[in-house]
């Protein structure tokens, strides 16, 4: 028959062990609370995504119906739309070139 051995624990060790045990229980309960909250939020997110997907489908079908009912308008292609964008780039690039030249000249004056 095995003999039982007992270990005597001092009062401060007992308090320390009880505090650690209670802190561990507290952390486990808090973790459990966060996990259940996370699960509920994930399920809510899934429901909202499904609802959003169905609403988007409804909107797309309504847009298709609207496109069928609206008259078709032919818009002539013109080169005038492309030219303003190229004209806008030129002044900006010119001003950048001028700014670069100005800074370079200042640097040259400072080096002398």
PDB file of N, CA and C in Angstrom:
ATOM      1  N   UNK A   1       0.839  -1.165   0.000  1.00  0.00           N
ATOM      2  CA  UNK A   1       0.000   0.000   0.000  1.00  0.00           C
ATOM      3  C   UNK A   1       0.892   1.239   0.000  1.00  0.00           C
ATOM      4  N   UNK A   2       0.653   2.169  -1.002  1.00  0.00           N
ATOM      5  CA  UNK A   2       1.501   3.359  -1.038  1.00  0.00           C
ATOM      6  C   UNK A   2       1.188   4.280   0.132  1.00  0.00           C
ATOM      7  N   UNK A   3       2.209   4.881   0.592  1.00  0.00           N
ATOM      8  CA  UNK A   3       2.017   5.797   1.716  1.00  0.00           C
ATOM      9  C   UNK A   3       1.753   7.208   1.202  1.00  0.00           C
ATOM     10  N   UNK A   4       0.871   7.905   1.836  1.00  0.00           N
ATOM     11  CA  UNK A   4       0.553   9.281   1.470  1.00  0.00           C
ATOM     12  C   UNK A   4       1.509  10.221   2.181  1.00  0.00           C
ATOM     13  N   UNK A   5       1.992  11.182   1.398  1.00  0.00           N
ATOM     14  CA  UNK A   5       2.888  12.168   1.997  1.00  0.00           C
ATOM     15  C   UNK A   5       2.223  13.536   1.881  1.00  0.00           C
ATOM     16  N   UNK A   6       2.301  14.294   2.907  1.00  0.00           N
ATOM     17  CA  UNK A   6       1.718  15.626   2.927  1.00  0.00           C
ATOM     18  C   UNK A   6       2.826  16.658   3.026  1.00  0.00           C
ATOM     19  N   UNK A   7       2.586  17.793   2.384  1.00  0.00           N
ATOM     20  CA  UNK A   7       3.556  18.887   2.433  1.00  0.00           C
ATOM     21  C   UNK A   7       2.879  20.051   3.134  1.00  0.00           C
ATOM     22  N   UNK A   8       3.557  20.608   4.064  1.00  0.00           N
ATOM     23  CA  UNK A   8       2.998  21.737   4.792  1.00  0.00           C
ATOM     24  C   UNK A   8       3.307  23.019   4.002  1.00  0.00           C
ATOM     25  N   UNK A   9       2.291  23.855   3.799  1.00  0.00           N
ATOM     26  CA  UNK A   9       2.440  25.119   3.076  1.00  0.00           C
ATOM     27  C   UNK A   9       2.228  26.234   4.076  1.00  0.00           C
ATOM     28  N   UNK A  10       3.096  27.200   4.005  1.00  0.00           N
ATOM     29  CA  UNK A  10       2.972  28.334   4.921  1.00  0.00           C
ATOM     30  C   UNK A  10       1.798  29.215   4.495  1.00  0.00           C
ATOM     31  N   UNK A  11       1.348  30.055   5.388  1.00  0.00           N
ATOM     32  CA  UNK A  11       0.203  30.932   5.126  1.00  0.00           C
ATOM     33  C   UNK A  11       0.455  31.884   3.948  1.00  0.00           C
ATOM     34  N   UNK A  12       1.635  32.557   3.832  1.00  0.00           N
ATOM     35  CA  UNK A  12       1.863  33.424   2.668  1.00  0.00           C
ATOM     36  C   UNK A  12       1.867  32.652   1.349  1.00  0.00           C
ATOM     37  N   UNK A  13       2.395  31.423   1.354  1.00  0.00           N
ATOM     38  CA  UNK A  13       2.369  30.608   0.138  1.00  0.00           C
ATOM     39  C   UNK A  13       0.935  30.252  -0.240  1.00  0.00           C
ATOM     40  N   UNK A  14       0.115  29.961   0.781  1.00  0.00           N
ATOM     41  CA  UNK A  14      -1.286  29.632   0.546  1.00  0.00           C
ATOM     42  C   UNK A  14      -2.013  30.823  -0.075  1.00  0.00           C
ATOM     43  N   UNK A  15      -1.795  32.014   0.469  1.00  0.00           N
ATOM     44  CA  UNK A  15      -2.429  33.220  -0.081  1.00  0.00           C
ATOM     45  C   UNK A  15      -1.977  33.476  -1.517  1.00  0.00           C
ATOM     46  N   UNK A  16      -0.685  33.304  -1.762  1.00  0.00           N
ATOM     47  CA  UNK A  16      -0.134  33.515  -3.105  1.00  0.00           C
ATOM     48  C   UNK A  16      -0.776  32.544  -4.097  1.00  0.00           C
ATOM     49  N   UNK A  17      -0.895  31.274  -3.705  1.00  0.00           N
ATOM     50  CA  UNK A  17      -1.496  30.267  -4.579  1.00  0.00           C
ATOM     51  C   UNK A  17      -2.970  30.573  -4.824  1.00  0.00           C
ATOM     52  N   UNK A  18      -3.698  30.985  -3.786  1.00  0.00           N
ATOM     53  CA  UNK A  18      -5.115  31.318  -3.950  1.00  0.00           C
ATOM     54  C   UNK A  18      -5.297  32.515  -4.882  1.00  0.00           C
ATOM     55  N   UNK A  19      -4.445  33.532  -4.721  1.00  0.00           N
ATOM     56  CA  UNK A  19      -4.532  34.715  -5.587  1.00  0.00           C
ATOM     57  C   UNK A  19      -4.267  34.334  -7.038  1.00  0.00           C
ATOM     58  N   UNK A  20      -3.232  33.514  -7.255  1.00  0.00           N
ATOM     59  CA  UNK A  20      -2.923  33.093  -8.622  1.00  0.00           C
ATOM     60  C   UNK A  20      -4.061  32.285  -9.226  1.00  0.00           C
ATOM     61  N   UNK A  21      -4.650  31.404  -8.436  1.00  0.00           N
ATOM     62  CA  UNK A  21      -5.766  30.598  -8.913  1.00  0.00           C
ATOM     63  C   UNK A  21      -6.959  31.485  -9.264  1.00  0.00           C
ATOM     64  N   UNK A  22      -7.258  32.451  -8.420  1.00  0.00           N
ATOM     65  CA  UNK A  22      -8.380  33.360  -8.689  1.00  0.00           C
ATOM     66  C   UNK A  22      -8.117  34.228  -9.914  1.00  0.00           C
ATOM     67  N   UNK A  23      -6.879  34.701 -10.077  1.00  0.00           N
ATOM     68  CA  UNK A  23      -6.540  35.489 -11.268  1.00  0.00           C
ATOM     69  C   UNK A  23      -6.685  34.637 -12.529  1.00  0.00           C
ATOM     70  N   UNK A  24      -6.271  33.389 -12.464  1.00  0.00           N
ATOM     71  CA  UNK A  24      -6.403  32.491 -13.614  1.00  0.00           C
ATOM     72  C   UNK A  24      -7.866  32.268 -13.960  1.00  0.00           C
ATOM     73  N   UNK A  25      -8.701  32.038 -12.939  1.00  0.00           N
ATOM     74  CA  UNK A  25     -10.134  31.863 -13.176  1.00  0.00           C
ATOM     75  C   UNK A  25     -10.738  33.118 -13.788  1.00  0.00           C
ATOM     76  N   UNK A  26     -10.335  34.264 -13.279  1.00  0.00           N
ATOM     77  CA  UNK A  26     -10.841  35.536 -13.793  1.00  0.00           C
ATOM     78  C   UNK A  26     -10.462  35.712 -15.261  1.00  0.00           C
ATOM     79  N   UNK A  27      -9.227  35.434 -15.602  1.00  0.00           N
ATOM     80  CA  UNK A  27      -8.781  35.567 -16.988  1.00  0.00           C
ATOM     81  C   UNK A  27      -9.498  34.581 -17.899  1.00  0.00           C
ATOM     82  N   UNK A  28      -9.738  33.365 -17.416  1.00  0.00           N
ATOM     83  CA  UNK A  28     -10.493  32.391 -18.209  1.00  0.00           C
ATOM     84  C   UNK A  28     -11.918  32.861 -18.463  1.00  0.00           C
ATOM     85  N   UNK A  29     -12.560  33.406 -17.444  1.00  0.00           N
ATOM     86  CA  UNK A  29     -13.927  33.903 -17.615  1.00  0.00           C
ATOM     87  C   UNK A  29     -13.975  35.082 -18.579  1.00  0.00           C
ATOM     88  N   UNK A  30     -13.010  35.966 -18.473  1.00  0.00           N
ATOM     89  CA  UNK A  30     -12.956  37.114 -19.388  1.00  0.00           C
ATOM     90  C   UNK A  30     -12.729  36.633 -20.816  1.00  0.00           C
ATOM     91  N   UNK A  31     -11.830  35.667 -20.989  1.00  0.00           N
ATOM     92  CA  UNK A  31     -11.570  35.118 -22.322  1.00  0.00           C
ATOM     93  C   UNK A  31     -12.818  34.455 -22.888  1.00  0.00           C
ATOM     94  N   UNK A  32     -13.532  33.720 -22.049  1.00  0.00           N
ATOM     95  CA  UNK A  32     -14.771  33.074 -22.484  1.00  0.00           C
ATOM     96  C   UNK A  32     -15.794  34.119 -22.913  1.00  0.00           C
ATOM     97  N   UNK A  33     -15.882  35.189 -22.161  1.00  0.00           N
ATOM     98  CA  UNK A  33     -16.811  36.277 -22.502  1.00  0.00           C
ATOM     99  C   UNK A  33     -16.456  36.873 -23.859  1.00  0.00           C
ATOM    100  N   UNK A  34     -15.160  37.136 -24.087  1.00  0.00           N
ATOM    101  CA  UNK A  34     -14.734  37.703 -25.363  1.00  0.00           C
ATOM    102  C   UNK A  34     -14.991  36.742 -26.518  1.00  0.00           C
ATOM    103  N   UNK A  35     -14.787  35.461 -26.286  1.00  0.00           N
ATOM    104  CA  UNK A  35     -15.006  34.482 -27.349  1.00  0.00           C
ATOM    105  C   UNK A  35     -16.483  34.416 -27.725  1.00  0.00           C
ATOM    106  N   UNK A  36     -17.367  34.407 -26.733  1.00  0.00           N
ATOM    107  CA  UNK A  36     -18.800  34.369 -27.045  1.00  0.00           C
ATOM    108  C   UNK A  36     -19.236  35.653 -27.749  1.00  0.00           C
ATOM    109  N   UNK A  37     -18.697  36.783 -27.335  1.00  0.00           N
ATOM    110  CA  UNK A  37     -19.019  38.047 -28.004  1.00  0.00           C
ATOM    111  C   UNK A  37     -18.512  38.037 -29.442  1.00  0.00           C
ATOM    112  N   UNK A  38     -17.319  37.497 -29.641  1.00  0.00           N
ATOM    113  CA  UNK A  38     -16.739  37.404 -30.980  1.00  0.00           C
ATOM    114  C   UNK A  38     -17.610  36.527 -31.875  1.00  0.00           C
ATOM    115  N   UNK A  39     -18.047  35.383 -31.346  1.00  0.00           N
ATOM    116  CA  UNK A  39     -18.889  34.482 -32.135  1.00  0.00           C
ATOM    117  C   UNK A  39     -20.199  35.154 -32.524  1.00  0.00           C
ATOM    118  N   UNK A  40     -20.799  35.880 -31.586  1.00  0.00           N
ATOM    119  CA  UNK A  40     -22.065  36.548 -31.902  1.00  0.00           C
ATOM    120  C   UNK A  40     -21.857  37.644 -32.946  1.00  0.00           C
ATOM    121  N   UNK A  41     -20.743  38.362 -32.837  1.00  0.00           N
ATOM    122  CA  UNK A  41     -20.465  39.401 -33.833  1.00  0.00           C
ATOM    123  C   UNK A  41     -20.199  38.797 -35.207  1.00  0.00           C
ATOM    124  N   UNK A  42     -19.507  37.662 -35.249  1.00  0.00           N
ATOM    125  CA  UNK A  42     -19.245  37.005 -36.532  1.00  0.00           C
ATOM    126  C   UNK A  42     -20.545  36.526 -37.177  1.00  0.00           C
ATOM    127  N   UNK A  43     -21.451  35.981 -36.384  1.00  0.00           N
ATOM    128  CA  UNK A  43     -22.725  35.533 -36.947  1.00  0.00           C
ATOM    129  C   UNK A  43     -23.543  36.731 -37.427  1.00  0.00           C
ATOM    130  N   UNK A  44     -23.495  37.823 -36.682  1.00  0.00           N
ATOM    131  CA  UNK A  44     -24.195  39.040 -37.111  1.00  0.00           C
ATOM    132  C   UNK A  44     -23.588  39.562 -38.407  1.00  0.00           C
ATOM    133  N   UNK A  45     -22.269  39.529 -38.503  1.00  0.00           N
ATOM    134  CA  UNK A  45     -21.590  39.968 -39.719  1.00  0.00           C
ATOM    135  C   UNK A  45     -22.003  39.108 -40.906  1.00  0.00           C
ATOM    136  N   UNK A  46     -22.088  37.793 -40.708  1.00  0.00           N
ATOM    137  CA  UNK A  46     -22.494  36.896 -41.792  1.00  0.00           C
ATOM    138  C   UNK A  46     -23.915  37.212 -42.249  1.00  0.00           C
ATOM    139  N   UNK A  47     -24.820  37.438 -41.288  1.00  0.00           N
ATOM    140  CA  UNK A  47     -26.198  37.785 -41.658  1.00  0.00           C
ATOM    141  C   UNK A  47     -26.242  39.095 -42.440  1.00  0.00           C
ATOM    142  N   UNK A  48     -25.469  40.083 -42.001  1.00  0.00           N
ATOM    143  CA  UNK A  48     -25.460  41.374 -42.693  1.00  0.00           C
ATOM    144  C   UNK A  48     -24.871  41.254 -44.096  1.00  0.00           C
ATOM    145  N   UNK A  49     -23.840  40.426 -44.246  1.00  0.00           N
ATOM    146  CA  UNK A  49     -23.253  40.229 -45.575  1.00  0.00           C
ATOM    147  C   UNK A  49     -24.247  39.575 -46.523  1.00  0.00           C
ATOM    148  N   UNK A  50     -24.987  38.600 -46.015  1.00  0.00           N
ATOM    149  CA  UNK A  50     -25.989  37.939 -46.850  1.00  0.00           C
ATOM    150  C   UNK A  50     -27.072  38.936 -47.251  1.00  0.00           C
ATOM    151  N   UNK A  51     -27.510  39.756 -46.306  1.00  0.00           N
ATOM    152  CA  UNK A  51     -28.531  40.765 -46.610  1.00  0.00           C
ATOM    153  C   UNK A  51     -28.003  41.778 -47.622  1.00  0.00           C
ATOM    154  N   UNK A  52     -26.752  42.187 -47.462  1.00  0.00           N
ATOM    155  CA  UNK A  52     -26.157  43.138 -48.398  1.00  0.00           C
ATOM    156  C   UNK A  52     -26.062  42.538 -49.789  1.00  0.00           C
ATOM    157  N   UNK A  53     -25.670  41.276 -49.870  1.00  0.00           N
ATOM    158  CA  UNK A  53     -25.549  40.620 -51.169  1.00  0.00           C
ATOM    159  C   UNK A  53     -26.904  40.547 -51.864  1.00  0.00           C
ATOM    160  N   UNK A  54     -27.958  40.243 -51.111  1.00  0.00           N
ATOM    161  CA  UNK A  54     -29.285  40.180 -51.723  1.00  0.00           C
ATOM    162  C   UNK A  54     -29.741  41.567 -52.173  1.00  0.00           C
ATOM    163  N   UNK A  55     -29.446  42.595 -51.380  1.00  0.00           N
ATOM    164  CA  UNK A  55     -29.817  43.965 -51.777  1.00  0.00           C
ATOM    165  C   UNK A  55     -29.060  44.397 -53.032  1.00  0.00           C
ATOM    166  N   UNK A  56     -27.787  44.032 -53.105  1.00  0.00           N
ATOM    167  CA  UNK A  56     -27.000  44.382 -54.296  1.00  0.00           C
ATOM    168  C   UNK A  56     -27.577  43.680 -55.515  1.00  0.00           C
ATOM    169  N   UNK A  57     -27.976  42.420 -55.348  1.00  0.00           N
ATOM    170  CA  UNK A  57     -28.608  41.691 -56.452  1.00  0.00           C
ATOM    171  C   UNK A  57     -29.891  42.367 -56.903  1.00  0.00           C
ATOM    172  N   UNK A  58     -30.693  42.815 -55.950  1.00  0.00           N
ATOM    173  CA  UNK A  58     -31.928  43.526 -56.290  1.00  0.00           C
ATOM    174  C   UNK A  58     -31.624  44.811 -57.052  1.00  0.00           C
ATOM    175  N   UNK A  59     -30.618  45.553 -56.590  1.00  0.00           N
ATOM    176  CA  UNK A  59     -30.253  46.807 -57.258  1.00  0.00           C
ATOM    177  C   UNK A  59     -29.772  46.552 -58.676  1.00  0.00           C
ATOM    178  N   UNK A  60     -28.978  45.508 -58.847  1.00  0.00           N
ATOM    179  CA  UNK A  60     -28.483  45.189 -60.188  1.00  0.00           C
ATOM    180  C   UNK A  60     -29.625  44.817 -61.123  1.00  0.00           C
ATOM    181  N   UNK A  61     -30.582  44.045 -60.632  1.00  0.00           N
ATOM    182  CA  UNK A  61     -31.716  43.683 -61.487  1.00  0.00           C
ATOM    183  C   UNK A  61     -32.551  44.919 -61.823  1.00  0.00           C
ATOM    184  N   UNK A  62     -32.732  45.825 -60.861  1.00  0.00           N
ATOM    185  CA  UNK A  62     -33.465  47.064 -61.140  1.00  0.00           C
ATOM    186  C   UNK A  62     -32.727  47.930 -62.152  1.00  0.00           C
ATOM    187  N   UNK A  63     -31.396  47.970 -62.051  1.00  0.00           N
ATOM    188  CA  UNK A  63     -30.618  48.755 -63.017  1.00  0.00           C
ATOM    189  C   UNK A  63     -30.723  48.159 -64.416  1.00  0.00           C
ATOM    190  N   UNK A  64     -30.738  46.831 -64.522  1.00  0.00           N
ATOM    191  CA  UNK A  64     -30.893  46.196 -65.834  1.00  0.00           C
ATOM    192  C   UNK A  64     -32.253  46.524 -66.425  1.00  0.00           C
ATOM    193  N   UNK A  65     -33.296  46.468 -65.590  1.00  0.00           N
ATOM    194  CA  UNK A  65     -34.638  46.813 -66.063  1.00  0.00           C
ATOM    195  C   UNK A  65     -34.695  48.269 -66.508  1.00  0.00           C
ATOM    196  N   UNK A  66     -34.058  49.141 -65.754  1.00  0.00           N
ATOM    197  CA  UNK A  66     -34.046  50.560 -66.094  1.00  0.00           C
ATOM    198  C   UNK A  66     -33.297  50.801 -67.396  1.00  0.00           C
ATOM    199  N   UNK A  67     -32.179  50.120 -67.592  1.00  0.00           N
ATOM    200  CA  UNK A  67     -31.418  50.274 -68.834  1.00  0.00           C
ATOM    201  C   UNK A  67     -32.219  49.793 -70.036  1.00  0.00           C
ATOM    202  N   UNK A  68     -33.055  48.777 -69.853  1.00  0.00           N
ATOM    203  CA  UNK A  68     -33.886  48.296 -70.954  1.00  0.00           C
ATOM    204  C   UNK A  68     -34.958  49.322 -71.309  1.00  0.00           C
ATOM    205  N   UNK A  69     -35.469  50.039 -70.309  1.00  0.00           N
ATOM    206  CA  UNK A  69     -36.558  50.983 -70.537  1.00  0.00           C
ATOM    207  C   UNK A  69     -36.079  52.343 -71.035  1.00  0.00           C
ATOM    208  N   UNK A  70     -34.853  52.722 -70.707  1.00  0.00           N
ATOM    209  CA  UNK A  70     -34.346  54.023 -71.127  1.00  0.00           C
ATOM    210  C   UNK A  70     -33.965  53.997 -72.602  1.00  0.00           C
ATOM    211  N   UNK A  71     -34.123  55.142 -73.282  1.00  0.00           N
ATOM    212  CA  UNK A  71     -33.735  55.188 -74.696  1.00  0.00           C
ATOM    213  C   UNK A  71     -32.213  55.158 -74.840  1.00  0.00           C
ATOM    214  N   UNK A  72     -31.779  54.574 -75.940  1.00  0.00           N
ATOM    215  CA  UNK A  72     -30.350  54.495 -76.231  1.00  0.00           C
ATOM    216  C   UNK A  72     -29.918  55.783 -76.929  1.00  0.00           C
ATOM    217  N   UNK A  73     -28.863  56.401 -76.449  1.00  0.00           N
ATOM    218  CA  UNK A  73     -28.343  57.638 -77.019  1.00  0.00           C
ATOM    219  C   UNK A  73     -26.924  57.367 -77.484  1.00  0.00           C
ATOM    220  N   UNK A  74     -26.664  57.734 -78.736  1.00  0.00           N
ATOM    221  CA  UNK A  74     -25.312  57.562 -79.255  1.00  0.00           C
ATOM    222  C   UNK A  74     -24.527  58.834 -78.995  1.00  0.00           C
ATOM    223  N   UNK A  75     -23.397  58.701 -78.338  1.00  0.00           N
ATOM    224  CA  UNK A  75     -22.541  59.840 -78.034  1.00  0.00           C
ATOM    225  C   UNK A  75     -21.378  59.802 -79.013  1.00  0.00           C
ATOM    226  N   UNK A  76     -21.242  60.867 -79.814  1.00  0.00           N
ATOM    227  CA  UNK A  76     -20.138  60.862 -80.782  1.00  0.00           C
ATOM    228  C   UNK A  76     -18.794  61.006 -80.072  1.00  0.00           C
ATOM    229  N   UNK A  77     -17.830  60.249 -80.564  1.00  0.00           N
ATOM    230  CA  UNK A  77     -16.488  60.352 -80.006  1.00  0.00           C
ATOM    231  C   UNK A  77     -15.794  61.556 -80.629  1.00  0.00           C
ATOM    232  N   UNK A  78     -15.117  62.333 -79.815  1.00  0.00           N
ATOM    233  CA  UNK A  78     -14.428  63.504 -80.342  1.00  0.00           C
ATOM    234  C   UNK A  78     -13.031  63.559 -79.759  1.00  0.00           C
ATOM    235  N   UNK A  79     -12.128  64.176 -80.505  1.00  0.00           N
ATOM    236  CA  UNK A  79     -10.754  64.328 -80.054  1.00  0.00           C
ATOM    237  C   UNK A  79     -10.617  65.515 -79.113  1.00  0.00           C
ATOM    238  N   UNK A  80     -11.640  66.339 -79.043  1.00  0.00           N
ATOM    239  CA  UNK A  80     -11.557  67.520 -78.186  1.00  0.00           C
ATOM    240  C   UNK A  80     -11.494  67.139 -76.704  1.00  0.00           C
ATOM    241  N   UNK A  81     -11.984  65.983 -76.353  1.00  0.00           N
ATOM    242  CA  UNK A  81     -11.922  65.553 -74.960  1.00  0.00           C
ATOM    243  C   UNK A  81     -10.500  65.180 -74.560  1.00  0.00           C
ATOM    244  N   UNK A  82      -9.721  64.658 -75.504  1.00  0.00           N
ATOM    245  CA  UNK A  82      -8.358  64.250 -75.191  1.00  0.00           C
ATOM    246  C   UNK A  82      -7.404  65.432 -75.136  1.00  0.00           C
ATOM    247  N   UNK A  83      -7.629  66.444 -75.943  1.00  0.00           N
ATOM    248  CA  UNK A  83      -6.681  67.550 -76.012  1.00  0.00           C
ATOM    249  C   UNK A  83      -6.615  68.390 -74.735  1.00  0.00           C
ATOM    250  N   UNK A  84      -7.689  68.664 -74.017  1.00  0.00           N
ATOM    251  CA  UNK A  84      -7.545  69.459 -72.792  1.00  0.00           C
ATOM    252  C   UNK A  84      -6.672  68.774 -71.741  1.00  0.00           C
ATOM    253  N   UNK A  85      -6.737  67.482 -71.661  1.00  0.00           N
ATOM    254  CA  UNK A  85      -5.924  66.800 -70.657  1.00  0.00           C
ATOM    255  C   UNK A  85      -4.444  66.937 -70.992  1.00  0.00           C
ATOM    256  N   UNK A  86      -4.101  66.882 -72.280  1.00  0.00           N
ATOM    257  CA  UNK A  86      -2.693  67.047 -72.645  1.00  0.00           C
ATOM    258  C   UNK A  86      -2.261  68.501 -72.465  1.00  0.00           C
ATOM    259  N   UNK A  87      -3.193  69.435 -72.670  1.00  0.00           N
ATOM    260  CA  UNK A  87      -2.860  70.836 -72.471  1.00  0.00           C
ATOM    261  C   UNK A  87      -2.688  71.144 -70.986  1.00  0.00           C
ATOM    262  N   UNK A  88      -3.415  70.453 -70.142  1.00  0.00           N
ATOM    263  CA  UNK A  88      -3.297  70.681 -68.705  1.00  0.00           C
ATOM    264  C   UNK A  88      -1.955  70.207 -68.186  1.00  0.00           C
ATOM    265  N   UNK A  89      -1.416  69.148 -68.762  1.00  0.00           N
ATOM    266  CA  UNK A  89      -0.152  68.610 -68.295  1.00  0.00           C
ATOM    267  C   UNK A  89       1.011  69.530 -68.646  1.00  0.00           C
ATOM    268  N   UNK A  90       0.925  70.204 -69.767  1.00  0.00           N
ATOM    269  CA  UNK A  90       2.034  71.044 -70.212  1.00  0.00           C
ATOM    270  C   UNK A  90       2.337  72.190 -69.252  1.00  0.00           C
ATOM    271  N   UNK A  91       1.370  72.999 -68.832  1.00  0.00           N
ATOM    272  CA  UNK A  91       1.702  74.080 -67.900  1.00  0.00           C
ATOM    273  C   UNK A  91       2.263  73.563 -66.579  1.00  0.00           C
ATOM    274  N   UNK A  92       1.748  72.461 -66.146  1.00  0.00           N
ATOM    275  CA  UNK A  92       2.238  71.923 -64.886  1.00  0.00           C
ATOM    276  C   UNK A  92       3.681  71.452 -65.040  1.00  0.00           C
ATOM    277  N   UNK A  93       3.973  70.759 -66.126  1.00  0.00           N
ATOM    278  CA  UNK A  93       5.342  70.290 -66.329  1.00  0.00           C
ATOM    279  C   UNK A  93       6.274  71.473 -66.571  1.00  0.00           C
ATOM    280  N   UNK A  94       5.765  72.535 -67.254  1.00  0.00           N
ATOM    281  CA  UNK A  94       6.583  73.732 -67.453  1.00  0.00           C
ATOM    282  C   UNK A  94       6.902  74.386 -66.112  1.00  0.00           C
ATOM    283  N   UNK A  95       5.907  74.480 -65.258  1.00  0.00           N
ATOM    284  CA  UNK A  95       6.154  75.110 -63.965  1.00  0.00           C
ATOM    285  C   UNK A  95       7.113  74.264 -63.128  1.00  0.00           C
ATOM    286  N   UNK A  96       7.030  72.956 -63.252  1.00  0.00           N
ATOM    287  CA  UNK A  96       7.968  72.092 -62.538  1.00  0.00           C
ATOM    288  C   UNK A  96       9.383  72.280 -63.064  1.00  0.00           C
ATOM    289  N   UNK A  97       9.499  72.391 -64.404  1.00  0.00           N
ATOM    290  CA  UNK A  97      10.826  72.610 -64.986  1.00  0.00           C
ATOM    291  C   UNK A  97      11.402  73.943 -64.528  1.00  0.00           C
ATOM    292  N   UNK A  98      10.560  74.973 -64.493  1.00  0.00           N
ATOM    293  CA  UNK A  98      11.026  76.283 -64.037  1.00  0.00           C
ATOM    294  C   UNK A  98      11.458  76.225 -62.578  1.00  0.00           C
ATOM    295  N   UNK A  99      10.689  75.527 -61.773  1.00  0.00           N
ATOM    296  CA  UNK A  99      11.020  75.399 -60.351  1.00  0.00           C
ATOM    297  C   UNK A  99      12.337  74.648 -60.167  1.00  0.00           C
ATOM    298  N   UNK A 100      12.526  73.575 -60.945  1.00  0.00           N
ATOM    299  CA  UNK A 100      13.784  72.826 -60.875  1.00  0.00           C
ATOM    300  C   UNK A 100      14.966  73.703 -61.277  1.00  0.00           C
ATOM    301  N   UNK A 101      14.791  74.475 -62.345  1.00  0.00           N
ATOM    302  CA  UNK A 101      15.872  75.348 -62.799  1.00  0.00           C
ATOM    303  C   UNK A 101      16.191  76.405 -61.742  1.00  0.00           C
ATOM    304  N   UNK A 102      15.177  76.949 -61.115  1.00  0.00           N
ATOM    305  CA  UNK A 102      15.383  77.960 -60.082  1.00  0.00           C
ATOM    306  C   UNK A 102      16.153  77.377 -58.896  1.00  0.00           C
ATOM    307  N   UNK A 103      15.771  76.192 -58.470  1.00  0.00           N
ATOM    308  CA  UNK A 103      16.451  75.563 -57.335  1.00  0.00           C
ATOM    309  C   UNK A 103      17.889  75.227 -57.690  1.00  0.00           C
ATOM    310  N   UNK A 104      18.114  74.747 -58.921  1.00  0.00           N
ATOM    311  CA  UNK A 104      19.484  74.426 -59.342  1.00  0.00           C
ATOM    312  C   UNK A 104      20.358  75.674 -59.371  1.00  0.00           C
ATOM    313  N   UNK A 105      19.780  76.786 -59.845  1.00  0.00           N
ATOM    314  CA  UNK A 105      20.575  78.021 -59.889  1.00  0.00           C
ATOM    315  C   UNK A 105      20.911  78.496 -58.469  1.00  0.00           C
ATOM    316  N   UNK A 106      19.987  78.360 -57.541  1.00  0.00           N
ATOM    317  CA  UNK A 106      20.270  78.724 -56.149  1.00  0.00           C
ATOM    318  C   UNK A 106      21.376  77.848 -55.573  1.00  0.00           C
ATOM    319  N   UNK A 107      21.335  76.556 -55.901  1.00  0.00           N
ATOM    320  CA  UNK A 107      22.376  75.650 -55.419  1.00  0.00           C
ATOM    321  C   UNK A 107      23.745  76.027 -55.983  1.00  0.00           C
ATOM    322  N   UNK A 108      23.780  76.397 -57.267  1.00  0.00           N
ATOM    323  CA  UNK A 108      25.052  76.791 -57.882  1.00  0.00           C
ATOM    324  C   UNK A 108      25.601  78.052 -57.225  1.00  0.00           C
ATOM    325  N   UNK A 109      24.716  79.005 -56.913  1.00  0.00           N
ATOM    326  CA  UNK A 109      25.171  80.234 -56.258  1.00  0.00           C
ATOM    327  C   UNK A 109      25.709  79.944 -54.855  1.00  0.00           C
ATOM    328  N   UNK A 110      25.086  79.017 -54.167  1.00  0.00           N
ATOM    329  CA  UNK A 110      25.543  78.679 -52.826  1.00  0.00           C
ATOM    330  C   UNK A 110      26.876  77.932 -52.841  1.00  0.00           C
ATOM    331  N   UNK A 111      27.138  77.188 -53.893  1.00  0.00           N
ATOM    332  CA  UNK A 111      28.384  76.426 -53.973  1.00  0.00           C
ATOM    333  C   UNK A 111      29.574  77.323 -54.285  1.00  0.00           C
ATOM    334  N   UNK A 112      29.336  78.464 -54.873  1.00  0.00           N
ATOM    335  CA  UNK A 112      30.439  79.362 -55.240  1.00  0.00           C
ATOM    336  C   UNK A 112      30.989  80.114 -54.077  1.00  0.00           C
TER     337      UNK A 112
END
